[in-house]
Amino acid sequence: MKANHVLLQKKYACVVELFARKNDISLAKALDIFYHSVLYTLVRRHI
């Protein structure tokens, strides 16, 4: 079963926002870290 693309994007946004707040970094930096992470790669490949 594949997740709905829109729901995944909303989940990514929540995770990135929380990560930015917890680490006191900008959203841009948090997005950069997230999109270059192993976790994002695995989720994107539906693993």
C-alpha atoms as a PDB file:
ATOM      1  CA  MET A   1       0.000   0.000   0.000  1.00  0.00           C
ATOM      2  CA  LYS A   2       1.368   3.401  -0.969  1.00  0.00           C
ATOM      3  CA  ALA A   3       0.779   6.479   1.134  1.00  0.00           C
ATOM      4  CA  ASN A   4      -1.063   9.445  -0.311  1.00  0.00           C
ATOM      5  CA  HIS A   5       1.477  11.942  -1.686  1.00  0.00           C
ATOM      6  CA  VAL A   6      -0.232  14.955  -0.094  1.00  0.00           C
ATOM      7  CA  LEU A   7      -0.341  13.289   3.310  1.00  0.00           C
ATOM      8  CA  LEU A   8       3.356  12.470   3.096  1.00  0.00           C
ATOM      9  CA  GLN A   9       4.189  16.085   2.229  1.00  0.00           C
ATOM     10  CA  LYS A  10       2.204  17.293   5.249  1.00  0.00           C
ATOM     11  CA  LYS A  11       4.012  14.806   7.484  1.00  0.00           C
ATOM     12  CA  TYR A  12       7.381  15.940   6.110  1.00  0.00           C
ATOM     13  CA  ALA A  13       6.435  19.556   6.834  1.00  0.00           C
ATOM     14  CA  CYS A  14       5.536  18.749  10.449  1.00  0.00           C
ATOM     15  CA  VAL A  15       8.716  16.759  11.004  1.00  0.00           C
ATOM     16  CA  VAL A  16      10.927  19.453   9.459  1.00  0.00           C
ATOM     17  CA  GLU A  17       9.264  22.239  11.437  1.00  0.00           C
ATOM     18  CA  LEU A  18       9.666  20.369  14.734  1.00  0.00           C
ATOM     19  CA  PHE A  19      13.276  19.488  13.896  1.00  0.00           C
ATOM     20  CA  ALA A  20      14.045  23.157  13.159  1.00  0.00           C
ATOM     21  CA  ARG A  21      12.508  24.314  16.440  1.00  0.00           C
ATOM     22  CA  LYS A  22      14.195  21.632  18.551  1.00  0.00           C
ATOM     23  CA  ASN A  23      17.606  22.360  17.034  1.00  0.00           C
ATOM     24  CA  ASP A  24      17.193  26.150  16.832  1.00  0.00           C
ATOM     25  CA  ILE A  25      17.914  26.237  13.104  1.00  0.00           C
ATOM     26  CA  SER A  26      16.155  27.826  10.155  1.00  0.00           C
ATOM     27  CA  LEU A  27      13.490  25.955   8.233  1.00  0.00           C
ATOM     28  CA  ALA A  28      15.710  26.161   5.143  1.00  0.00           C
ATOM     29  CA  LYS A  29      18.562  24.424   6.991  1.00  0.00           C
ATOM     30  CA  ALA A  30      16.178  21.830   8.425  1.00  0.00           C
ATOM     31  CA  LEU A  31      14.785  21.115   4.943  1.00  0.00           C
ATOM     32  CA  ASP A  32      18.281  20.733   3.556  1.00  0.00           C
ATOM     33  CA  ILE A  33      19.191  18.261   6.301  1.00  0.00           C
ATOM     34  CA  PHE A  34      15.938  16.325   5.847  1.00  0.00           C
ATOM     35  CA  TYR A  35      16.082  16.071   2.060  1.00  0.00           C
ATOM     36  CA  HIS A  36      19.666  14.812   2.217  1.00  0.00           C
ATOM     37  CA  SER A  37      18.954  12.261   4.964  1.00  0.00           C
ATOM     38  CA  VAL A  38      18.833   8.497   4.735  1.00  0.00           C
ATOM     39  CA  LEU A  39      15.348   8.595   6.246  1.00  0.00           C
ATOM     40  CA  TYR A  40      13.946  10.692   3.396  1.00  0.00           C
ATOM     41  CA  THR A  41      15.572   8.436   0.821  1.00  0.00           C
ATOM     42  CA  LEU A  42      14.022   5.340   2.399  1.00  0.00           C
ATOM     43  CA  VAL A  43      10.558   6.879   2.725  1.00  0.00           C
ATOM     44  CA  ARG A  44      10.675   8.136  -0.844  1.00  0.00           C
ATOM     45  CA  ARG A  45      11.529   4.630  -2.059  1.00  0.00           C
ATOM     46  CA  HIS A  46       8.628   3.209   0.009  1.00  0.00           C
ATOM     47  CA  ILE A  47      10.955   1.071   2.120  1.00  0.00           C
END
